[in-house]
Amino acid sequence: MEDFIKNISLKVEGLPSHDLIRTFTSSLTKEKGIRNVLFENHTFSIDFNPYVISKDEIIHEMEESGIQPCTCQKKEKGFKKWISNLAQQNKKNLGSQRLDCCDMNH
């Protein structure tokens, strides 16, 4: 069976020192399930097998090394943004009640 590899990009707050980046990169590549670790433009790009190691474990390892991942959220784009807006509008208009054709005719 082939390995299922996912990629995550973790942006960091501030610029860690070269030694800190090197230490974290080398310690993470020794972990089981990690295929590749790159650091570029304040972002760690990590290829990993989610069946062996989780994203939370990677973030924990990063924090243990003294590197703070950015907590900023990505902006939604395109279809995903449209679906989120639609869900918000439905919740605003309909609340949490069940849709019922009899209720809608009133």
N, C-alpha and C. Protein backbone atom coordinates (compact mmCIF):
# COMPACT_ATOMS: atom_id res chain seq x y z
N MET A 1 0.83 -1.18 0.00
CA MET A 1 0.00 0.00 0.00
C MET A 1 0.88 1.24 0.00
N GLU A 2 0.55 2.20 -0.84
CA GLU A 2 1.32 3.44 -0.91
C GLU A 2 1.05 4.30 0.30
N ASP A 3 2.05 5.11 0.65
CA ASP A 3 1.87 6.05 1.75
C ASP A 3 0.94 7.16 1.31
N PHE A 4 0.07 7.55 2.22
CA PHE A 4 -0.81 8.69 1.99
C PHE A 4 -0.10 9.89 2.58
N ILE A 5 0.34 10.82 1.75
CA ILE A 5 1.13 11.97 2.20
C ILE A 5 0.31 13.24 2.07
N LYS A 6 0.25 14.00 3.17
CA LYS A 6 -0.40 15.31 3.17
C LYS A 6 0.67 16.37 3.31
N ASN A 7 0.33 17.58 2.93
CA ASN A 7 1.24 18.70 3.08
C ASN A 7 0.55 19.79 3.89
N ILE A 8 1.26 20.33 4.87
CA ILE A 8 0.74 21.48 5.60
C ILE A 8 1.77 22.59 5.51
N SER A 9 1.27 23.81 5.51
CA SER A 9 2.13 24.99 5.53
C SER A 9 1.82 25.73 6.83
N LEU A 10 2.84 25.87 7.65
CA LEU A 10 2.69 26.55 8.94
C LEU A 10 3.50 27.83 8.94
N LYS A 11 2.80 28.96 8.93
CA LYS A 11 3.45 30.25 8.97
C LYS A 11 3.88 30.53 10.40
N VAL A 12 5.05 31.13 10.59
CA VAL A 12 5.56 31.40 11.93
C VAL A 12 5.55 32.89 12.22
N GLU A 13 5.37 33.21 13.51
CA GLU A 13 5.42 34.60 13.94
C GLU A 13 6.89 34.97 14.12
N GLY A 14 7.27 36.09 13.54
CA GLY A 14 8.67 36.51 13.62
C GLY A 14 9.54 35.61 12.75
N LEU A 15 10.83 35.88 12.78
CA LEU A 15 11.78 35.08 12.02
C LEU A 15 12.69 34.35 12.99
N PRO A 16 12.55 33.03 13.10
CA PRO A 16 13.43 32.28 13.99
C PRO A 16 14.88 32.31 13.50
N SER A 17 15.80 32.11 14.41
CA SER A 17 17.21 32.09 14.03
C SER A 17 17.50 30.88 13.15
N HIS A 18 18.60 30.96 12.41
CA HIS A 18 18.98 29.86 11.52
C HIS A 18 19.22 28.58 12.32
N ASP A 19 19.83 28.72 13.50
CA ASP A 19 20.08 27.53 14.33
C ASP A 19 18.77 26.89 14.78
N LEU A 20 17.80 27.71 15.16
CA LEU A 20 16.51 27.20 15.61
C LEU A 20 15.78 26.50 14.46
N ILE A 21 15.84 27.08 13.28
CA ILE A 21 15.22 26.46 12.11
C ILE A 21 15.89 25.12 11.81
N ARG A 22 17.21 25.10 11.84
CA ARG A 22 17.97 23.88 11.54
C ARG A 22 17.68 22.80 12.59
N THR A 23 17.62 23.19 13.86
CA THR A 23 17.35 22.24 14.93
C THR A 23 15.96 21.64 14.79
N PHE A 24 14.96 22.49 14.56
CA PHE A 24 13.59 22.00 14.40
C PHE A 24 13.46 21.11 13.17
N THR A 25 14.04 21.53 12.07
CA THR A 25 13.96 20.75 10.83
C THR A 25 14.59 19.38 11.00
N SER A 26 15.77 19.33 11.61
CA SER A 26 16.44 18.04 11.77
C SER A 26 15.72 17.14 12.78
N SER A 27 15.17 17.72 13.86
CA SER A 27 14.45 16.89 14.83
C SER A 27 13.14 16.37 14.24
N LEU A 28 12.49 17.18 13.43
CA LEU A 28 11.22 16.75 12.84
C LEU A 28 11.42 15.68 11.77
N THR A 29 12.49 15.79 11.00
CA THR A 29 12.73 14.78 9.95
C THR A 29 13.07 13.42 10.54
N LYS A 30 13.49 13.38 11.81
CA LYS A 30 13.77 12.10 12.48
C LYS A 30 12.49 11.41 12.95
N GLU A 31 11.39 12.16 13.02
CA GLU A 31 10.11 11.60 13.47
C GLU A 31 9.56 10.66 12.41
N LYS A 32 8.91 9.59 12.86
CA LYS A 32 8.26 8.67 11.93
C LYS A 32 7.10 9.39 11.26
N GLY A 33 6.93 9.19 9.97
CA GLY A 33 5.81 9.75 9.24
C GLY A 33 6.12 11.08 8.56
N ILE A 34 7.27 11.66 8.85
CA ILE A 34 7.66 12.92 8.21
C ILE A 34 8.48 12.60 6.98
N ARG A 35 8.04 13.12 5.86
CA ARG A 35 8.74 12.86 4.61
C ARG A 35 9.71 13.99 4.27
N ASN A 36 9.26 15.25 4.41
CA ASN A 36 10.08 16.39 3.98
C ASN A 36 9.71 17.62 4.79
N VAL A 37 10.71 18.45 5.12
CA VAL A 37 10.48 19.70 5.84
C VAL A 37 11.29 20.80 5.15
N LEU A 38 10.60 21.86 4.74
CA LEU A 38 11.26 23.01 4.11
C LEU A 38 10.85 24.28 4.83
N PHE A 39 11.77 25.25 4.91
CA PHE A 39 11.44 26.55 5.48
C PHE A 39 11.73 27.62 4.44
N GLU A 40 10.69 28.43 4.13
CA GLU A 40 10.83 29.46 3.12
C GLU A 40 9.77 30.53 3.35
N ASN A 41 10.17 31.80 3.31
CA ASN A 41 9.24 32.93 3.46
C ASN A 41 8.41 32.86 4.75
N HIS A 42 9.06 32.63 5.87
CA HIS A 42 8.40 32.55 7.18
C HIS A 42 7.41 31.39 7.28
N THR A 43 7.55 30.38 6.45
CA THR A 43 6.61 29.27 6.42
C THR A 43 7.33 27.93 6.36
N PHE A 44 6.93 27.02 7.24
CA PHE A 44 7.40 25.64 7.17
C PHE A 44 6.43 24.87 6.31
N SER A 45 6.94 24.18 5.32
CA SER A 45 6.14 23.29 4.48
C SER A 45 6.55 21.87 4.83
N ILE A 46 5.58 21.09 5.32
CA ILE A 46 5.88 19.77 5.85
C ILE A 46 5.03 18.71 5.15
N ASP A 47 5.70 17.72 4.58
CA ASP A 47 5.03 16.56 3.99
C ASP A 47 5.03 15.46 5.04
N PHE A 48 3.83 14.93 5.36
CA PHE A 48 3.74 13.94 6.42
C PHE A 48 2.64 12.93 6.13
N ASN A 49 2.74 11.79 6.80
CA ASN A 49 1.73 10.75 6.71
C ASN A 49 0.79 10.92 7.91
N PRO A 50 -0.47 11.32 7.70
CA PRO A 50 -1.38 11.59 8.81
C PRO A 50 -1.79 10.34 9.60
N TYR A 51 -1.49 9.15 9.06
CA TYR A 51 -1.78 7.93 9.79
C TYR A 51 -0.69 7.61 10.81
N VAL A 52 0.45 8.29 10.67
CA VAL A 52 1.57 8.04 11.58
C VAL A 52 1.76 9.20 12.55
N ILE A 53 1.63 10.43 12.06
CA ILE A 53 1.80 11.62 12.90
C ILE A 53 0.73 12.64 12.52
N SER A 54 0.19 13.31 13.52
CA SER A 54 -0.89 14.26 13.25
C SER A 54 -0.36 15.69 13.14
N LYS A 55 -1.20 16.55 12.59
CA LYS A 55 -0.86 17.97 12.47
C LYS A 55 -0.65 18.57 13.86
N ASP A 56 -1.48 18.17 14.83
CA ASP A 56 -1.34 18.68 16.19
C ASP A 56 -0.01 18.29 16.82
N GLU A 57 0.46 17.08 16.54
CA GLU A 57 1.76 16.64 17.05
C GLU A 57 2.89 17.45 16.42
N ILE A 58 2.76 17.78 15.15
CA ILE A 58 3.77 18.60 14.48
C ILE A 58 3.81 19.99 15.08
N ILE A 59 2.62 20.58 15.31
CA ILE A 59 2.56 21.92 15.92
C ILE A 59 3.12 21.89 17.33
N HIS A 60 2.81 20.83 18.08
CA HIS A 60 3.35 20.70 19.43
C HIS A 60 4.87 20.63 19.41
N GLU A 61 5.40 19.86 18.48
CA GLU A 61 6.86 19.74 18.32
C GLU A 61 7.47 21.10 17.98
N MET A 62 6.78 21.87 17.15
CA MET A 62 7.25 23.19 16.77
C MET A 62 7.31 24.11 18.00
N GLU A 63 6.25 24.09 18.80
CA GLU A 63 6.20 24.91 20.00
C GLU A 63 7.25 24.48 21.01
N GLU A 64 7.49 23.18 21.13
CA GLU A 64 8.52 22.66 22.03
C GLU A 64 9.91 23.14 21.62
N SER A 65 10.10 23.33 20.32
CA SER A 65 11.39 23.81 19.81
C SER A 65 11.58 25.30 20.02
N GLY A 66 10.51 26.00 20.42
CA GLY A 66 10.61 27.44 20.64
C GLY A 66 10.16 28.28 19.47
N ILE A 67 9.50 27.65 18.50
CA ILE A 67 9.00 28.36 17.33
C ILE A 67 7.49 28.51 17.47
N GLN A 68 6.99 29.74 17.38
CA GLN A 68 5.55 29.99 17.52
C GLN A 68 4.86 30.01 16.16
N PRO A 69 3.93 29.07 15.94
CA PRO A 69 3.17 29.11 14.69
C PRO A 69 2.19 30.29 14.73
N CYS A 70 1.94 30.87 13.58
CA CYS A 70 1.02 31.99 13.46
C CYS A 70 -0.41 31.49 13.67
N THR A 71 -1.18 32.23 14.45
CA THR A 71 -2.56 31.83 14.72
C THR A 71 -3.55 32.52 13.79
N CYS A 72 -3.04 33.25 12.81
CA CYS A 72 -3.93 33.96 11.89
C CYS A 72 -4.66 32.94 11.00
N GLN A 73 -5.88 33.27 10.64
CA GLN A 73 -6.67 32.38 9.82
C GLN A 73 -6.62 32.83 8.36
N LYS A 74 -6.67 31.86 7.48
CA LYS A 74 -6.68 32.18 6.05
C LYS A 74 -8.03 32.72 5.65
N LYS A 75 -8.02 33.60 4.66
CA LYS A 75 -9.27 34.10 4.10
C LYS A 75 -9.89 33.03 3.21
N GLU A 76 -11.20 32.93 3.29
CA GLU A 76 -11.88 32.00 2.41
C GLU A 76 -12.02 32.63 1.03
N LYS A 77 -11.98 31.79 0.02
CA LYS A 77 -12.07 32.29 -1.35
C LYS A 77 -13.12 31.52 -2.13
N GLY A 78 -13.64 32.17 -3.12
CA GLY A 78 -14.51 31.54 -4.11
C GLY A 78 -15.70 30.79 -3.56
N PHE A 79 -15.81 29.55 -3.97
CA PHE A 79 -16.97 28.71 -3.65
C PHE A 79 -17.11 28.50 -2.14
N LYS A 80 -15.98 28.30 -1.46
CA LYS A 80 -16.00 28.08 -0.02
C LYS A 80 -16.57 29.30 0.71
N LYS A 81 -16.19 30.48 0.26
CA LYS A 81 -16.70 31.72 0.86
C LYS A 81 -18.20 31.85 0.61
N TRP A 82 -18.64 31.53 -0.61
CA TRP A 82 -20.04 31.61 -0.96
C TRP A 82 -20.88 30.66 -0.10
N ILE A 83 -20.41 29.43 0.10
CA ILE A 83 -21.10 28.45 0.93
C ILE A 83 -21.18 28.94 2.38
N SER A 84 -20.10 29.50 2.90
CA SER A 84 -20.10 30.01 4.28
C SER A 84 -21.08 31.14 4.45
N ASN A 85 -21.12 32.05 3.47
CA ASN A 85 -22.08 33.16 3.52
C ASN A 85 -23.52 32.65 3.45
N LEU A 86 -23.76 31.66 2.61
CA LEU A 86 -25.08 31.06 2.49
C LEU A 86 -25.51 30.42 3.81
N ALA A 87 -24.61 29.72 4.45
CA ALA A 87 -24.92 29.08 5.74
C ALA A 87 -25.22 30.13 6.81
N GLN A 88 -24.46 31.22 6.82
CA GLN A 88 -24.71 32.28 7.80
C GLN A 88 -26.06 32.93 7.57
N GLN A 89 -26.41 33.19 6.33
CA GLN A 89 -27.70 33.79 6.01
C GLN A 89 -28.86 32.86 6.39
N ASN A 90 -28.70 31.57 6.10
CA ASN A 90 -29.74 30.61 6.46
C ASN A 90 -29.93 30.55 7.98
N LYS A 91 -28.83 30.55 8.71
CA LYS A 91 -28.93 30.51 10.16
C LYS A 91 -29.58 31.79 10.69
N LYS A 92 -29.25 32.92 10.07
CA LYS A 92 -29.83 34.20 10.48
C LYS A 92 -31.34 34.23 10.19
N ASN A 93 -31.73 33.78 9.02
CA ASN A 93 -33.14 33.82 8.61
C ASN A 93 -33.99 32.72 9.24
N LEU A 94 -33.43 31.54 9.38
CA LEU A 94 -34.22 30.39 9.81
C LEU A 94 -33.93 29.93 11.23
N GLY A 95 -32.83 30.40 11.79
CA GLY A 95 -32.45 29.94 13.14
C GLY A 95 -32.03 28.49 13.10
N SER A 96 -32.28 27.80 14.19
CA SER A 96 -31.88 26.39 14.25
C SER A 96 -33.07 25.45 14.05
N GLN A 97 -34.20 26.01 13.67
CA GLN A 97 -35.38 25.17 13.50
C GLN A 97 -35.33 24.38 12.20
N ARG A 98 -36.08 23.32 12.17
CA ARG A 98 -36.16 22.44 11.01
C ARG A 98 -37.00 23.09 9.92
N LEU A 99 -36.61 22.90 8.67
CA LEU A 99 -37.40 23.41 7.55
C LEU A 99 -38.67 22.56 7.41
N ASP A 100 -39.80 23.25 7.33
CA ASP A 100 -41.08 22.56 7.20
C ASP A 100 -41.93 23.36 6.23
N CYS A 101 -42.48 22.71 5.21
CA CYS A 101 -43.25 23.43 4.20
C CYS A 101 -44.49 24.09 4.81
N CYS A 102 -45.06 23.50 5.84
CA CYS A 102 -46.25 24.09 6.47
C CYS A 102 -45.90 25.40 7.18
N ASP A 103 -44.73 25.44 7.76
CA ASP A 103 -44.29 26.67 8.44
C ASP A 103 -43.97 27.77 7.45
N MET A 104 -43.54 27.40 6.27
CA MET A 104 -43.11 28.39 5.30
C MET A 104 -44.27 29.08 4.61
N ASN A 105 -45.48 28.50 4.64
CA ASN A 105 -46.65 29.09 3.98
C ASN A 105 -47.34 30.13 4.84
N HIS A 106 -46.90 30.35 6.03
CA HIS A 106 -47.55 31.33 6.92
C HIS A 106 -47.05 32.71 6.69
